[in-house]
Amino acid sequence: MYKIGIIGNRDAVQGFMALGFAVHEAGDAEQAARELHAMVRSGEFAVIYLIERYAAQLEEELARYRSLPVPAIVSLPGQEGATGYGMNSLRRAVERAVGADILFQDLPEERKG
């Protein structure tokens, strides 16, 4: 059975342990990259959550795993709040899959406000 894991700084990920996540603490993006590679190589994870601050710094690392069916690597906001990286990443993934921006396209003027 696959696991769900999370990588980030201690304060951001500690609470996920109570949810049964495999928690991997990383003090910086370099350590997060090492944890990510080890988790992917293990083949044990279906989903790996990565705190946005590190995900933004590891874009090249993440690109090499995008074509893999497993694990899904998803960014989450850290304690400092959303940086926008996660939404932009989701937008790009949807555009690749569908060929258009169906989630975030602007509403017609008559439907706004």
C-alpha atoms as a PDB file:
ATOM      1  CA  MET A   1       0.000   0.000   0.000  1.00  0.00           C
ATOM      2  CA  TYR A   2       1.263   3.452  -0.925  1.00  0.00           C
ATOM      3  CA  LYS A   3       2.087   6.151   1.617  1.00  0.00           C
ATOM      4  CA  ILE A   4       1.433   9.877   1.662  1.00  0.00           C
ATOM      5  CA  GLY A   5       4.394  12.034   2.588  1.00  0.00           C
ATOM      6  CA  ILE A   6       5.177  15.665   3.218  1.00  0.00           C
ATOM      7  CA  ILE A   7       8.450  17.595   3.074  1.00  0.00           C
ATOM      8  CA  GLY A   8       9.015  20.963   4.716  1.00  0.00           C
ATOM      9  CA  ASN A   9      10.364  22.801   7.710  1.00  0.00           C
ATOM     10  CA  ARG A  10       9.490  21.418  11.135  1.00  0.00           C
ATOM     11  CA  ASP A  11       6.799  23.936  12.032  1.00  0.00           C
ATOM     12  CA  ALA A  12       4.980  23.491   8.737  1.00  0.00           C
ATOM     13  CA  VAL A  13       4.888  19.687   8.656  1.00  0.00           C
ATOM     14  CA  GLN A  14       4.795  18.471  12.243  1.00  0.00           C
ATOM     15  CA  GLY A  15       0.986  18.433  12.494  1.00  0.00           C
ATOM     16  CA  PHE A  16       0.685  16.111   9.490  1.00  0.00           C
ATOM     17  CA  MET A  17       2.171  13.266  11.520  1.00  0.00           C
ATOM     18  CA  ALA A  18      -1.140  12.989  13.412  1.00  0.00           C
ATOM     19  CA  LEU A  19      -2.863  12.424  10.050  1.00  0.00           C
ATOM     20  CA  GLY A  20      -0.634   9.450   9.286  1.00  0.00           C
ATOM     21  CA  PHE A  21       1.620  11.218   6.785  1.00  0.00           C
ATOM     22  CA  ALA A  22       5.267  10.219   6.517  1.00  0.00           C
ATOM     23  CA  VAL A  23       6.826  13.495   7.675  1.00  0.00           C
ATOM     24  CA  HIS A  24      10.242  14.480   6.315  1.00  0.00           C
ATOM     25  CA  GLU A  25      11.705  17.613   7.821  1.00  0.00           C
ATOM     26  CA  ALA A  26      13.975  19.787   5.721  1.00  0.00           C
ATOM     27  CA  GLY A  27      15.732  22.925   6.897  1.00  0.00           C
ATOM     28  CA  ASP A  28      16.380  24.229   3.383  1.00  0.00           C
ATOM     29  CA  ALA A  29      15.675  23.514  -0.283  1.00  0.00           C
ATOM     30  CA  GLU A  30      18.816  21.407  -0.702  1.00  0.00           C
ATOM     31  CA  GLN A  31      17.777  19.077   2.105  1.00  0.00           C
ATOM     32  CA  ALA A  32      14.219  19.028   0.710  1.00  0.00           C
ATOM     33  CA  ALA A  33      15.620  17.903  -2.657  1.00  0.00           C
ATOM     34  CA  ARG A  34      17.505  15.034  -1.011  1.00  0.00           C
ATOM     35  CA  GLU A  35      14.363  13.947   0.842  1.00  0.00           C
ATOM     36  CA  LEU A  36      12.282  14.189  -2.322  1.00  0.00           C
ATOM     37  CA  HIS A  37      14.704  12.057  -4.355  1.00  0.00           C
ATOM     38  CA  ALA A  38      14.859   9.414  -1.620  1.00  0.00           C
ATOM     39  CA  MET A  39      11.077   9.270  -1.351  1.00  0.00           C
ATOM     40  CA  VAL A  40      10.587   8.939  -5.111  1.00  0.00           C
ATOM     41  CA  ARG A  41      13.319   6.278  -5.406  1.00  0.00           C
ATOM     42  CA  SER A  42      11.724   4.246  -2.618  1.00  0.00           C
ATOM     43  CA  GLY A  43       8.593   3.688  -4.706  1.00  0.00           C
ATOM     44  CA  GLU A  44       6.512   3.758  -1.514  1.00  0.00           C
ATOM     45  CA  PHE A  45       4.684   7.069  -2.053  1.00  0.00           C
ATOM     46  CA  ALA A  46       1.548   7.810  -4.084  1.00  0.00           C
ATOM     47  CA  VAL A  47       1.491  11.484  -3.057  1.00  0.00           C
ATOM     48  CA  ILE A  48       4.268  13.726  -1.813  1.00  0.00           C
ATOM     49  CA  TYR A  49       3.358  17.173  -0.539  1.00  0.00           C
ATOM     50  CA  LEU A  50       6.095  19.769  -0.676  1.00  0.00           C
ATOM     51  CA  ILE A  51       5.916  23.144   1.031  1.00  0.00           C
ATOM     52  CA  GLU A  52       5.651  25.917  -1.590  1.00  0.00           C
ATOM     53  CA  ARG A  53       8.772  27.743  -0.466  1.00  0.00           C
ATOM     54  CA  TYR A  54      10.879  24.687  -1.308  1.00  0.00           C
ATOM     55  CA  ALA A  55       8.873  23.683  -4.377  1.00  0.00           C
ATOM     56  CA  ALA A  56       9.528  27.066  -5.986  1.00  0.00           C
ATOM     57  CA  GLN A  57      13.258  26.608  -5.457  1.00  0.00           C
ATOM     58  CA  LEU A  58      13.216  23.043  -6.781  1.00  0.00           C
ATOM     59  CA  GLU A  59      11.365  23.611 -10.064  1.00  0.00           C
ATOM     60  CA  GLU A  60      14.036  21.805 -12.133  1.00  0.00           C
ATOM     61  CA  GLU A  61      14.025  18.867  -9.730  1.00  0.00           C
ATOM     62  CA  LEU A  62      10.231  18.616  -9.867  1.00  0.00           C
ATOM     63  CA  ALA A  63      10.177  18.783 -13.680  1.00  0.00           C
ATOM     64  CA  ARG A  64      11.908  15.420 -13.961  1.00  0.00           C
ATOM     65  CA  TYR A  65       9.121  13.718 -11.982  1.00  0.00           C
ATOM     66  CA  ARG A  66       6.100  15.316 -13.703  1.00  0.00           C
ATOM     67  CA  SER A  67       5.769  12.589 -16.306  1.00  0.00           C
ATOM     68  CA  LEU A  68       5.715   9.792 -13.716  1.00  0.00           C
ATOM     69  CA  PRO A  69       2.293   8.404 -12.844  1.00  0.00           C
ATOM     70  CA  VAL A  70       3.369   7.973  -9.213  1.00  0.00           C
ATOM     71  CA  PRO A  71       4.069   9.871  -7.046  1.00  0.00           C
ATOM     72  CA  ALA A  72       1.961  12.960  -7.516  1.00  0.00           C
ATOM     73  CA  ILE A  73       3.985  15.862  -6.136  1.00  0.00           C
ATOM     74  CA  VAL A  74       1.769  18.649  -4.836  1.00  0.00           C
ATOM     75  CA  SER A  75       2.853  21.936  -3.298  1.00  0.00           C
ATOM     76  CA  LEU A  76       1.177  23.286  -0.176  1.00  0.00           C
ATOM     77  CA  PRO A  77       1.452  26.701   1.443  1.00  0.00           C
ATOM     78  CA  GLY A  78       3.733  26.830   4.465  1.00  0.00           C
ATOM     79  CA  GLN A  79       3.228  28.796   7.659  1.00  0.00           C
ATOM     80  CA  GLU A  80       3.991  32.037   5.879  1.00  0.00           C
ATOM     81  CA  GLY A  81       0.916  31.533   3.685  1.00  0.00           C
ATOM     82  CA  ALA A  82       0.417  30.933  -0.007  1.00  0.00           C
ATOM     83  CA  THR A  83       3.067  32.301  -2.339  1.00  0.00           C
ATOM     84  CA  GLY A  84       1.074  31.655  -5.513  1.00  0.00           C
ATOM     85  CA  TYR A  85       3.437  28.921  -6.649  1.00  0.00           C
ATOM     86  CA  GLY A  86       0.916  26.151  -5.986  1.00  0.00           C
ATOM     87  CA  MET A  87      -1.882  27.820  -7.981  1.00  0.00           C
ATOM     88  CA  ASN A  88       0.445  28.548 -10.887  1.00  0.00           C
ATOM     89  CA  SER A  89       1.660  24.964 -10.834  1.00  0.00           C
ATOM     90  CA  LEU A  90      -1.915  23.678 -10.871  1.00  0.00           C
ATOM     91  CA  ARG A  91      -2.772  26.008 -13.739  1.00  0.00           C
ATOM     92  CA  ARG A  92       0.170  24.717 -15.812  1.00  0.00           C
ATOM     93  CA  ALA A  93      -0.761  21.083 -15.085  1.00  0.00           C
ATOM     94  CA  VAL A  94      -4.362  21.614 -16.184  1.00  0.00           C
ATOM     95  CA  GLU A  95      -3.252  23.418 -19.339  1.00  0.00           C
ATOM     96  CA  ARG A  96      -0.919  20.508 -20.194  1.00  0.00           C
ATOM     97  CA  ALA A  97      -3.657  17.944 -19.583  1.00  0.00           C
ATOM     98  CA  VAL A  98      -6.581  19.726 -21.229  1.00  0.00           C
ATOM     99  CA  GLY A  99      -4.899  22.132 -23.595  1.00  0.00           C
ATOM    100  CA  ALA A 100      -6.598  25.220 -22.144  1.00  0.00           C
ATOM    101  CA  ASP A 101      -6.906  27.168 -18.920  1.00  0.00           C
ATOM    102  CA  ILE A 102     -10.325  25.871 -17.824  1.00  0.00           C
ATOM    103  CA  LEU A 103      -9.934  26.504 -14.103  1.00  0.00           C
ATOM    104  CA  PHE A 104      -8.668  30.052 -13.912  1.00  0.00           C
ATOM    105  CA  GLN A 105      -9.948  31.750 -17.034  1.00  0.00           C
ATOM    106  CA  ASP A 106     -11.538  35.163 -16.579  1.00  0.00           C
ATOM    107  CA  LEU A 107     -15.303  35.313 -16.245  1.00  0.00           C
ATOM    108  CA  PRO A 108     -17.254  37.258 -18.896  1.00  0.00           C
ATOM    109  CA  GLU A 109     -17.913  40.881 -17.901  1.00  0.00           C
ATOM    110  CA  GLU A 110     -21.629  40.290 -17.227  1.00  0.00           C
ATOM    111  CA  ARG A 111     -20.828  37.538 -14.681  1.00  0.00           C
ATOM    112  CA  LYS A 112     -18.277  39.578 -12.718  1.00  0.00           C
ATOM    113  CA  GLY A 113     -19.139  41.346  -9.519  1.00  0.00           C
END
